[in-house]
Amino acid sequence: MNNTNTHKFSLLLKKFLNTLSAVLVLICITSCEINDPIGNIAQPGYIAAGIYWDVPVTNVNAGSEVEFYAEYFSIESNIEYVGLWYDVEKALSYTLTYPPNSFSFSVDSAELARELLEIKTFEHNESRYDPAKKAFILDDTFPVSYTLGGIIYNNPANYNEQQFNALIPEYVRDGFLQELFPLLTYEDLQNLIVTNRQIIDAETFNGYFNTETVGETVVLTLKEEAVETMKSHLQAIPFGDLIYNRDRQFYAVEFSQGYQLNARLKVVNGNQVENYSETKVITVF
């Protein structure tokens, strides 16, 4: 009885091991088919074209042509497209100064002004192939639009409110006032609000301050409940009053706007596999 049971168990175990072996072989074969990196690389068109390029001069004027040198190749020796692409970043810089105490407020910002776009295409020519470098040679130029010229507005002798507001956004002006206000003295506020512009009379103005005598010195401090009222009076005066340098007779504002091109060469091979070169940063003046 025991021998019979043992024999049956042995047959079942053998059958189980045979089935398990078959499953493992199937898994192994399937895995090799799916994850074969050599097979993937060997597929035609899997590898994109190789690109090397250089831009000798990266500081250029708007409206000019930018010279470049490039080498590109494909394992297929088949090129369908070569083109120059770039996006455009706009860089902005603002500085406002209150001359009486030399306080300056600066803001720098950058924003994408234009998405990546095709700027110029180049006809591929087999005659450009250099056997020594094993690559096609492209020695050419691409254009920079006149519209990308920079703007500089520094310390004008005359104040044009419309022009000023168009160049200096409200958030910059508000930031300047917010940080300047705690630094203004009694004399500063008096000159701006009472003496120069007569926004309020002297008696009303003095009523906004606490008076304290320390030794022989009279100390004037703005009352807490008068802070917001004083700020509103300050905002009522022309902004030019805050930045006018009376000694040197100019308005202390500095603004610049410039553009940066992030340029790349694009190559597409015969199987429509595309590749971009490394980015070259071009500064436009």
C-alpha atoms as a PDB file:
ATOM      1  CA  MET A   1       0.000   0.000   0.000  1.00  0.00           C
ATOM      2  CA  ASN A   2       2.830   2.342   0.875  1.00  0.00           C
ATOM      3  CA  ASN A   3       4.764   1.462  -2.302  1.00  0.00           C
ATOM      4  CA  THR A   4       1.703   2.255  -4.446  1.00  0.00           C
ATOM      5  CA  ASN A   5       1.239   5.671  -2.840  1.00  0.00           C
ATOM      6  CA  THR A   6       4.917   6.442  -3.191  1.00  0.00           C
ATOM      7  CA  HIS A   7       4.840   5.499  -6.899  1.00  0.00           C
ATOM      8  CA  LYS A   8       1.785   7.750  -7.540  1.00  0.00           C
ATOM      9  CA  PHE A   9       3.413  10.673  -5.716  1.00  0.00           C
ATOM     10  CA  SER A  10       6.598  10.244  -7.786  1.00  0.00           C
ATOM     11  CA  LEU A  11       4.627  10.353 -11.059  1.00  0.00           C
ATOM     12  CA  LEU A  12       2.739  13.490  -9.996  1.00  0.00           C
ATOM     13  CA  LEU A  13       5.971  15.241  -8.964  1.00  0.00           C
ATOM     14  CA  LYS A  14       7.642  14.372 -12.261  1.00  0.00           C
ATOM     15  CA  LYS A  15       4.654  15.683 -14.229  1.00  0.00           C
ATOM     16  CA  PHE A  16       4.639  18.897 -12.167  1.00  0.00           C
ATOM     17  CA  LEU A  17       8.375  19.499 -12.734  1.00  0.00           C
ATOM     18  CA  ASN A  18       8.034  18.926 -16.483  1.00  0.00           C
ATOM     19  CA  THR A  19       5.180  21.444 -16.675  1.00  0.00           C
ATOM     20  CA  LEU A  20       7.122  23.973 -14.590  1.00  0.00           C
ATOM     21  CA  SER A  21      10.175  23.635 -16.838  1.00  0.00           C
ATOM     22  CA  ALA A  22       8.091  24.270 -19.932  1.00  0.00           C
ATOM     23  CA  VAL A  23       6.571  27.402 -18.404  1.00  0.00           C
ATOM     24  CA  LEU A  24       9.990  28.753 -17.400  1.00  0.00           C
ATOM     25  CA  VAL A  25      11.383  28.182 -20.908  1.00  0.00           C
ATOM     26  CA  LEU A  26       8.373  30.007 -22.414  1.00  0.00           C
ATOM     27  CA  ILE A  27       8.849  32.959 -20.037  1.00  0.00           C
ATOM     28  CA  CYS A  28      12.540  33.137 -20.875  1.00  0.00           C
ATOM     29  CA  ILE A  29      11.871  33.127 -24.638  1.00  0.00           C
ATOM     30  CA  THR A  30       9.170  35.805 -24.305  1.00  0.00           C
ATOM     31  CA  SER A  31      11.413  37.967 -22.130  1.00  0.00           C
ATOM     32  CA  CYS A  32      14.252  37.816 -24.626  1.00  0.00           C
ATOM     33  CA  GLU A  33      11.944  38.834 -27.442  1.00  0.00           C
ATOM     34  CA  ILE A  34      10.556  41.876 -25.581  1.00  0.00           C
ATOM     35  CA  ASN A  35      13.687  43.216 -23.859  1.00  0.00           C
ATOM     36  CA  ASP A  36      16.362  42.594 -26.455  1.00  0.00           C
ATOM     37  CA  PRO A  37      18.219  45.938 -26.573  1.00  0.00           C
ATOM     38  CA  ILE A  38      20.463  44.811 -29.420  1.00  0.00           C
ATOM     39  CA  GLY A  39      17.432  43.972 -31.507  1.00  0.00           C
ATOM     40  CA  ASN A  40      15.915  47.376 -30.831  1.00  0.00           C
ATOM     41  CA  ILE A  41      19.070  49.264 -31.770  1.00  0.00           C
ATOM     42  CA  ALA A  42      19.405  47.228 -34.951  1.00  0.00           C
ATOM     43  CA  GLN A  43      15.955  48.271 -36.129  1.00  0.00           C
ATOM     44  CA  PRO A  44      16.310  50.650 -39.138  1.00  0.00           C
ATOM     45  CA  GLY A  45      15.840  54.315 -38.172  1.00  0.00           C
ATOM     46  CA  TYR A  46      16.145  53.670 -34.413  1.00  0.00           C
ATOM     47  CA  ILE A  47      19.233  55.869 -34.108  1.00  0.00           C
ATOM     48  CA  ALA A  48      18.754  59.581 -34.832  1.00  0.00           C
ATOM     49  CA  ALA A  49      21.263  61.646 -36.755  1.00  0.00           C
ATOM     50  CA  GLY A  50      24.300  62.916 -34.884  1.00  0.00           C
ATOM     51  CA  ILE A  51      24.839  66.699 -34.737  1.00  0.00           C
ATOM     52  CA  TYR A  52      27.719  68.933 -33.682  1.00  0.00           C
ATOM     53  CA  TRP A  53      27.567  72.689 -34.160  1.00  0.00           C
ATOM     54  CA  ASP A  54      29.226  75.906 -33.040  1.00  0.00           C
ATOM     55  CA  VAL A  55      28.287  79.597 -33.061  1.00  0.00           C
ATOM     56  CA  PRO A  56      31.510  81.672 -32.896  1.00  0.00           C
ATOM     57  CA  VAL A  57      29.804  84.995 -32.029  1.00  0.00           C
ATOM     58  CA  THR A  58      26.877  84.845 -29.600  1.00  0.00           C
ATOM     59  CA  ASN A  59      26.388  88.600 -28.998  1.00  0.00           C
ATOM     60  CA  VAL A  60      24.641  90.024 -32.068  1.00  0.00           C
ATOM     61  CA  ASN A  61      22.609  93.014 -33.229  1.00  0.00           C
ATOM     62  CA  ALA A  62      18.937  92.798 -34.167  1.00  0.00           C
ATOM     63  CA  GLY A  63      18.533  92.491 -37.931  1.00  0.00           C
ATOM     64  CA  SER A  64      21.894  90.786 -38.421  1.00  0.00           C
ATOM     65  CA  GLU A  65      22.865  87.315 -39.634  1.00  0.00           C
ATOM     66  CA  VAL A  66      24.388  84.828 -37.186  1.00  0.00           C
ATOM     67  CA  GLU A  67      27.194  82.665 -38.561  1.00  0.00           C
ATOM     68  CA  PHE A  68      27.475  79.024 -37.522  1.00  0.00           C
ATOM     69  CA  TYR A  69      29.342  75.825 -38.381  1.00  0.00           C
ATOM     70  CA  ALA A  70      27.795  72.357 -38.171  1.00  0.00           C
ATOM     71  CA  GLU A  71      28.624  68.708 -38.748  1.00  0.00           C
ATOM     72  CA  TYR A  72      25.872  66.104 -38.983  1.00  0.00           C
ATOM     73  CA  PHE A  73      25.649  62.453 -40.004  1.00  0.00           C
ATOM     74  CA  SER A  74      23.324  59.460 -40.061  1.00  0.00           C
ATOM     75  CA  ILE A  75      24.140  55.747 -40.002  1.00  0.00           C
ATOM     76  CA  GLU A  76      21.765  55.494 -42.955  1.00  0.00           C
ATOM     77  CA  SER A  77      23.629  58.204 -44.920  1.00  0.00           C
ATOM     78  CA  ASN A  78      20.164  59.507 -45.612  1.00  0.00           C
ATOM     79  CA  ILE A  79      19.053  62.971 -44.488  1.00  0.00           C
ATOM     80  CA  GLU A  80      15.571  64.329 -45.153  1.00  0.00           C
ATOM     81  CA  TYR A  81      15.617  67.700 -43.333  1.00  0.00           C
ATOM     82  CA  VAL A  82      18.017  70.241 -41.832  1.00  0.00           C
ATOM     83  CA  GLY A  83      16.671  73.389 -40.157  1.00  0.00           C
ATOM     84  CA  LEU A  84      17.467  76.086 -37.615  1.00  0.00           C
ATOM     85  CA  TRP A  85      14.990  76.620 -34.758  1.00  0.00           C
ATOM     86  CA  TYR A  86      14.942  78.958 -31.786  1.00  0.00           C
ATOM     87  CA  ASP A  87      12.695  80.257 -29.053  1.00  0.00           C
ATOM     88  CA  VAL A  88      12.931  83.816 -27.717  1.00  0.00           C
ATOM     89  CA  GLU A  89      13.205  84.944 -24.085  1.00  0.00           C
ATOM     90  CA  LYS A  90      12.592  88.561 -23.091  1.00  0.00           C
ATOM     91  CA  ALA A  91      14.707  89.917 -20.245  1.00  0.00           C
ATOM     92  CA  LEU A  92      13.479  92.968 -18.316  1.00  0.00           C
ATOM     93  CA  SER A  93      15.326  95.029 -15.735  1.00  0.00           C
ATOM     94  CA  TYR A  94      13.956  97.915 -13.624  1.00  0.00           C
ATOM     95  CA  THR A  95      15.612 100.207 -11.065  1.00  0.00           C
ATOM     96  CA  LEU A  96      13.897 103.132  -9.324  1.00  0.00           C
ATOM     97  CA  THR A  97      15.757 105.424  -6.917  1.00  0.00           C
ATOM     98  CA  TYR A  98      14.633 107.964  -4.324  1.00  0.00           C
ATOM     99  CA  PRO A  99      17.535 110.479  -4.499  1.00  0.00           C
ATOM    100  CA  PRO A 100      17.229 112.176  -1.058  1.00  0.00           C
ATOM    101  CA  ASN A 101      18.283 108.985   0.763  1.00  0.00           C
ATOM    102  CA  SER A 102      19.622 107.020  -2.265  1.00  0.00           C
ATOM    103  CA  PHE A 103      17.195 104.139  -1.716  1.00  0.00           C
ATOM    104  CA  SER A 104      16.988 101.949  -4.835  1.00  0.00           C
ATOM    105  CA  PHE A 105      14.476  99.275  -5.746  1.00  0.00           C
ATOM    106  CA  SER A 106      15.320  96.780  -8.501  1.00  0.00           C
ATOM    107  CA  VAL A 107      13.396  94.045 -10.273  1.00  0.00           C
ATOM    108  CA  ASP A 108      14.737  91.657 -12.910  1.00  0.00           C
ATOM    109  CA  SER A 109      12.495  89.267 -14.788  1.00  0.00           C
ATOM    110  CA  ALA A 110      12.480  86.974 -17.812  1.00  0.00           C
ATOM    111  CA  GLU A 111       9.606  85.544 -19.801  1.00  0.00           C
ATOM    112  CA  LEU A 112       9.141  83.391 -22.884  1.00  0.00           C
ATOM    113  CA  ALA A 113       8.274  85.777 -25.714  1.00  0.00           C
ATOM    114  CA  ARG A 114       8.107  83.231 -28.548  1.00  0.00           C
ATOM    115  CA  GLU A 115       7.788  79.452 -28.612  1.00  0.00           C
ATOM    116  CA  LEU A 116      10.324  77.271 -30.407  1.00  0.00           C
ATOM    117  CA  LEU A 117       9.833  77.924 -34.137  1.00  0.00           C
ATOM    118  CA  GLU A 118      11.517  77.040 -37.401  1.00  0.00           C
ATOM    119  CA  ILE A 119      13.585  80.032 -38.556  1.00  0.00           C
ATOM    120  CA  LYS A 120      15.418  78.715 -41.630  1.00  0.00           C
ATOM    121  CA  THR A 121      15.785  75.475 -43.566  1.00  0.00           C
ATOM    122  CA  PHE A 122      18.880  74.282 -45.408  1.00  0.00           C
ATOM    123  CA  GLU A 123      18.959  72.055 -48.462  1.00  0.00           C
ATOM    124  CA  HIS A 124      20.837  68.835 -47.759  1.00  0.00           C
ATOM    125  CA  ASN A 125      23.525  68.141 -50.345  1.00  0.00           C
ATOM    126  CA  GLU A 126      25.528  64.911 -50.579  1.00  0.00           C
ATOM    127  CA  SER A 127      28.485  66.891 -51.913  1.00  0.00           C
ATOM    128  CA  ARG A 128      28.969  68.392 -48.456  1.00  0.00           C
ATOM    129  CA  TYR A 129      30.130  65.046 -47.079  1.00  0.00           C
ATOM    130  CA  ASP A 130      33.646  65.153 -45.617  1.00  0.00           C
ATOM    131  CA  PRO A 131      35.209  61.656 -45.574  1.00  0.00           C
ATOM    132  CA  ALA A 132      37.834  62.705 -43.037  1.00  0.00           C
ATOM    133  CA  LYS A 133      35.200  63.870 -40.547  1.00  0.00           C
ATOM    134  CA  LYS A 134      32.654  61.256 -41.640  1.00  0.00           C
ATOM    135  CA  ALA A 135      29.969  63.928 -41.588  1.00  0.00           C
ATOM    136  CA  PHE A 136      28.181  66.467 -43.737  1.00  0.00           C
ATOM    137  CA  ILE A 137      29.471  70.028 -43.304  1.00  0.00           C
ATOM    138  CA  LEU A 138      27.171  73.047 -43.094  1.00  0.00           C
ATOM    139  CA  ASP A 139      28.760  76.499 -42.870  1.00  0.00           C
ATOM    140  CA  ASP A 140      25.931  79.028 -43.059  1.00  0.00           C
ATOM    141  CA  THR A 141      23.946  81.792 -41.303  1.00  0.00           C
ATOM    142  CA  PHE A 142      20.495  82.396 -39.836  1.00  0.00           C
ATOM    143  CA  PRO A 143      18.634  85.720 -39.404  1.00  0.00           C
ATOM    144  CA  VAL A 144      17.738  87.719 -36.295  1.00  0.00           C
ATOM    145  CA  SER A 145      14.618  89.866 -36.642  1.00  0.00           C
ATOM    146  CA  TYR A 146      14.812  93.654 -36.373  1.00  0.00           C
ATOM    147  CA  THR A 147      11.886  93.456 -33.950  1.00  0.00           C
ATOM    148  CA  LEU A 148      14.163  91.920 -31.323  1.00  0.00           C
ATOM    149  CA  GLY A 149      16.133  95.113 -30.780  1.00  0.00           C
ATOM    150  CA  GLY A 150      16.647  96.123 -27.154  1.00  0.00           C
ATOM    151  CA  ILE A 151      15.252  99.149 -25.321  1.00  0.00           C
ATOM    152  CA  ILE A 152      17.200 101.281 -22.831  1.00  0.00           C
ATOM    153  CA  TYR A 153      15.565 104.099 -20.840  1.00  0.00           C
ATOM    154  CA  ASN A 154      17.983 105.552 -18.300  1.00  0.00           C
ATOM    155  CA  ASN A 155      17.764 108.726 -16.182  1.00  0.00           C
ATOM    156  CA  PRO A 156      15.814 110.985 -18.571  1.00  0.00           C
ATOM    157  CA  ALA A 157      16.004 114.747 -18.124  1.00  0.00           C
ATOM    158  CA  ASN A 158      12.271 115.075 -18.820  1.00  0.00           C
ATOM    159  CA  TYR A 159       9.444 113.094 -17.288  1.00  0.00           C
ATOM    160  CA  ASN A 160       6.743 111.774 -19.605  1.00  0.00           C
ATOM    161  CA  GLU A 161       4.131 110.097 -17.412  1.00  0.00           C
ATOM    162  CA  GLN A 162       2.506 108.163 -20.251  1.00  0.00           C
ATOM    163  CA  GLN A 163       5.823 106.801 -21.471  1.00  0.00           C
ATOM    164  CA  PHE A 164       6.962 106.066 -17.919  1.00  0.00           C
ATOM    165  CA  ASN A 165       3.810 104.088 -17.083  1.00  0.00           C
ATOM    166  CA  ALA A 166       4.072 102.155 -20.354  1.00  0.00           C
ATOM    167  CA  LEU A 167       7.639 101.066 -19.561  1.00  0.00           C
ATOM    168  CA  ILE A 168       7.463 100.634 -15.782  1.00  0.00           C
ATOM    169  CA  PRO A 169       4.587  98.300 -14.807  1.00  0.00           C
ATOM    170  CA  GLU A 170       2.350  99.023 -11.856  1.00  0.00           C
ATOM    171  CA  TYR A 171       3.682  96.152  -9.744  1.00  0.00           C
ATOM    172  CA  VAL A 172       7.194  97.640  -9.920  1.00  0.00           C
ATOM    173  CA  ARG A 173       5.965 101.099  -8.920  1.00  0.00           C
ATOM    174  CA  ASP A 174       3.894  99.648  -6.068  1.00  0.00           C
ATOM    175  CA  GLY A 175       6.846  97.581  -4.852  1.00  0.00           C
ATOM    176  CA  PHE A 176       9.053 100.663  -4.825  1.00  0.00           C
ATOM    177  CA  LEU A 177       6.527 102.646  -2.759  1.00  0.00           C
ATOM    178  CA  GLN A 178       5.953  99.796  -0.338  1.00  0.00           C
ATOM    179  CA  GLU A 179       9.642  99.426   0.479  1.00  0.00           C
ATOM    180  CA  LEU A 180      10.391 103.162   0.426  1.00  0.00           C
ATOM    181  CA  PHE A 181       7.608 104.220   2.796  1.00  0.00           C
ATOM    182  CA  PRO A 182       9.173 102.948   6.083  1.00  0.00           C
ATOM    183  CA  LEU A 183      12.399 104.783   5.195  1.00  0.00           C
ATOM    184  CA  LEU A 184      10.825 108.212   4.724  1.00  0.00           C
ATOM    185  CA  THR A 185      11.447 110.744   7.471  1.00  0.00           C
ATOM    186  CA  TYR A 186       9.160 113.513   8.713  1.00  0.00           C
ATOM    187  CA  GLU A 187      11.089 115.938   6.501  1.00  0.00           C
ATOM    188  CA  ASP A 188      10.764 113.683   3.445  1.00  0.00           C
ATOM    189  CA  LEU A 189       6.998 113.379   3.834  1.00  0.00           C
ATOM    190  CA  GLN A 190       6.593 117.081   4.577  1.00  0.00           C
ATOM    191  CA  ASN A 191       8.506 118.079   1.427  1.00  0.00           C
ATOM    192  CA  LEU A 192       6.602 115.666  -0.785  1.00  0.00           C
ATOM    193  CA  ILE A 193       3.069 116.138   0.510  1.00  0.00           C
ATOM    194  CA  VAL A 194       2.960 119.656   1.963  1.00  0.00           C
ATOM    195  CA  THR A 195       5.769 121.799   0.559  1.00  0.00           C
ATOM    196  CA  ASN A 196       5.965 120.569  -3.036  1.00  0.00           C
ATOM    197  CA  ARG A 197       2.386 119.554  -3.792  1.00  0.00           C
ATOM    198  CA  GLN A 198       0.132 120.936  -1.030  1.00  0.00           C
ATOM    199  CA  ILE A 199      -1.870 117.706  -0.867  1.00  0.00           C
ATOM    200  CA  ILE A 200      -2.809 118.708   2.703  1.00  0.00           C
ATOM    201  CA  ASP A 201      -2.019 121.731   4.882  1.00  0.00           C
ATOM    202  CA  ALA A 202       0.749 121.803   7.493  1.00  0.00           C
ATOM    203  CA  GLU A 203      -1.625 121.641  10.467  1.00  0.00           C
ATOM    204  CA  THR A 204      -3.355 118.507   9.197  1.00  0.00           C
ATOM    205  CA  PHE A 205      -0.001 116.957   8.342  1.00  0.00           C
ATOM    206  CA  ASN A 206       1.444 117.571  11.821  1.00  0.00           C
ATOM    207  CA  GLY A 207      -1.657 116.040  13.359  1.00  0.00           C
ATOM    208  CA  TYR A 208      -0.568 112.672  11.960  1.00  0.00           C
ATOM    209  CA  PHE A 209       2.509 112.608  14.215  1.00  0.00           C
ATOM    210  CA  ASN A 210       3.235 111.954  17.870  1.00  0.00           C
ATOM    211  CA  THR A 211       5.623 114.443  19.464  1.00  0.00           C
ATOM    212  CA  GLU A 212       8.103 113.286  22.076  1.00  0.00           C
ATOM    213  CA  THR A 213      10.939 115.289  23.653  1.00  0.00           C
ATOM    214  CA  VAL A 214      14.062 113.300  24.411  1.00  0.00           C
ATOM    215  CA  GLY A 215      16.492 115.569  26.226  1.00  0.00           C
ATOM    216  CA  GLU A 216      16.712 118.606  23.994  1.00  0.00           C
ATOM    217  CA  THR A 217      15.581 116.727  20.891  1.00  0.00           C
ATOM    218  CA  VAL A 218      11.998 116.654  19.612  1.00  0.00           C
ATOM    219  CA  VAL A 219      11.180 113.269  18.071  1.00  0.00           C
ATOM    220  CA  LEU A 220       8.241 112.996  15.659  1.00  0.00           C
ATOM    221  CA  THR A 221       6.779 109.552  14.931  1.00  0.00           C
ATOM    222  CA  LEU A 222       3.894 108.748  12.621  1.00  0.00           C
ATOM    223  CA  LYS A 223       0.775 107.658  14.477  1.00  0.00           C
ATOM    224  CA  GLU A 224      -0.209 104.073  13.778  1.00  0.00           C
ATOM    225  CA  GLU A 225      -3.753 105.039  12.824  1.00  0.00           C
ATOM    226  CA  ALA A 226      -2.387 107.591  10.310  1.00  0.00           C
ATOM    227  CA  VAL A 227      -0.181 105.177   8.329  1.00  0.00           C
ATOM    228  CA  GLU A 228      -2.715 104.229   5.656  1.00  0.00           C
ATOM    229  CA  THR A 229      -3.858 107.854   5.265  1.00  0.00           C
ATOM    230  CA  MET A 230      -0.259 108.981   4.762  1.00  0.00           C
ATOM    231  CA  LYS A 231       0.272 106.259   2.165  1.00  0.00           C
ATOM    232  CA  SER A 232      -2.785 107.428   0.248  1.00  0.00           C
ATOM    233  CA  HIS A 233      -1.451 111.016   0.263  1.00  0.00           C
ATOM    234  CA  LEU A 234       1.881 109.731  -1.046  1.00  0.00           C
ATOM    235  CA  GLN A 235       0.173 107.896  -3.901  1.00  0.00           C
ATOM    236  CA  ALA A 236      -1.667 111.089  -4.861  1.00  0.00           C
ATOM    237  CA  ILE A 237       1.499 112.905  -5.884  1.00  0.00           C
ATOM    238  CA  PRO A 238       3.026 112.434  -9.393  1.00  0.00           C
ATOM    239  CA  PHE A 239       5.437 109.507  -9.381  1.00  0.00           C
ATOM    240  CA  GLY A 240       8.105 111.688 -10.964  1.00  0.00           C
ATOM    241  CA  ASP A 241       8.372 113.667  -7.710  1.00  0.00           C
ATOM    242  CA  LEU A 242       9.641 110.562  -5.932  1.00  0.00           C
ATOM    243  CA  ILE A 243      12.488 109.856  -8.337  1.00  0.00           C
ATOM    244  CA  TYR A 244      13.590 113.354  -9.345  1.00  0.00           C
ATOM    245  CA  ASN A 245      17.230 114.099  -8.603  1.00  0.00           C
ATOM    246  CA  ARG A 246      17.241 117.857  -7.977  1.00  0.00           C
ATOM    247  CA  ASP A 247      21.029 118.107  -7.704  1.00  0.00           C
ATOM    248  CA  ARG A 248      21.736 116.420 -11.033  1.00  0.00           C
ATOM    249  CA  GLN A 249      18.395 117.292 -12.654  1.00  0.00           C
ATOM    250  CA  PHE A 250      17.251 113.934 -13.982  1.00  0.00           C
ATOM    251  CA  TYR A 251      14.675 111.320 -13.097  1.00  0.00           C
ATOM    252  CA  ALA A 252      16.299 108.320 -11.427  1.00  0.00           C
ATOM    253  CA  VAL A 253      14.830 105.452 -13.408  1.00  0.00           C
ATOM    254  CA  GLU A 254      16.717 102.740 -15.281  1.00  0.00           C
ATOM    255  CA  PHE A 255      14.950 100.311 -17.580  1.00  0.00           C
ATOM    256  CA  SER A 256      16.248  97.833 -20.122  1.00  0.00           C
ATOM    257  CA  GLN A 257      14.594  95.250 -22.325  1.00  0.00           C
ATOM    258  CA  GLY A 258      16.602  92.690 -24.233  1.00  0.00           C
ATOM    259  CA  TYR A 259      16.143  89.360 -25.954  1.00  0.00           C
ATOM    260  CA  GLN A 260      17.866  86.010 -25.805  1.00  0.00           C
ATOM    261  CA  LEU A 261      17.626  83.336 -28.493  1.00  0.00           C
ATOM    262  CA  ASN A 262      17.875  79.670 -27.559  1.00  0.00           C
ATOM    263  CA  ALA A 263      18.943  78.222 -30.898  1.00  0.00           C
ATOM    264  CA  ARG A 264      19.132  74.579 -31.985  1.00  0.00           C
ATOM    265  CA  LEU A 265      19.816  72.769 -35.227  1.00  0.00           C
ATOM    266  CA  LYS A 266      17.282  70.081 -36.162  1.00  0.00           C
ATOM    267  CA  VAL A 267      18.068  67.104 -38.406  1.00  0.00           C
ATOM    268  CA  VAL A 268      15.623  64.421 -39.581  1.00  0.00           C
ATOM    269  CA  ASN A 269      16.889  61.175 -41.103  1.00  0.00           C
ATOM    270  CA  GLY A 270      15.334  58.997 -43.802  1.00  0.00           C
ATOM    271  CA  ASN A 271      13.066  57.177 -41.369  1.00  0.00           C
ATOM    272  CA  GLN A 272      11.662  60.469 -40.033  1.00  0.00           C
ATOM    273  CA  VAL A 273      13.592  60.181 -36.758  1.00  0.00           C
ATOM    274  CA  GLU A 274      14.393  63.733 -35.658  1.00  0.00           C
ATOM    275  CA  ASN A 275      17.123  65.060 -33.414  1.00  0.00           C
ATOM    276  CA  TYR A 276      18.059  68.479 -32.017  1.00  0.00           C
ATOM    277  CA  SER A 277      21.559  69.720 -31.339  1.00  0.00           C
ATOM    278  CA  GLU A 278      22.633  71.262 -28.051  1.00  0.00           C
ATOM    279  CA  THR A 279      21.230  74.750 -27.391  1.00  0.00           C
ATOM    280  CA  LYS A 280      23.303  77.824 -28.188  1.00  0.00           C
ATOM    281  CA  VAL A 281      22.327  81.021 -26.324  1.00  0.00           C
ATOM    282  CA  ILE A 282      22.407  84.151 -28.506  1.00  0.00           C
ATOM    283  CA  THR A 283      22.161  87.579 -26.847  1.00  0.00           C
ATOM    284  CA  VAL A 284      20.552  90.261 -29.021  1.00  0.00           C
ATOM    285  CA  PHE A 285      21.301  93.967 -28.696  1.00  0.00           C
END
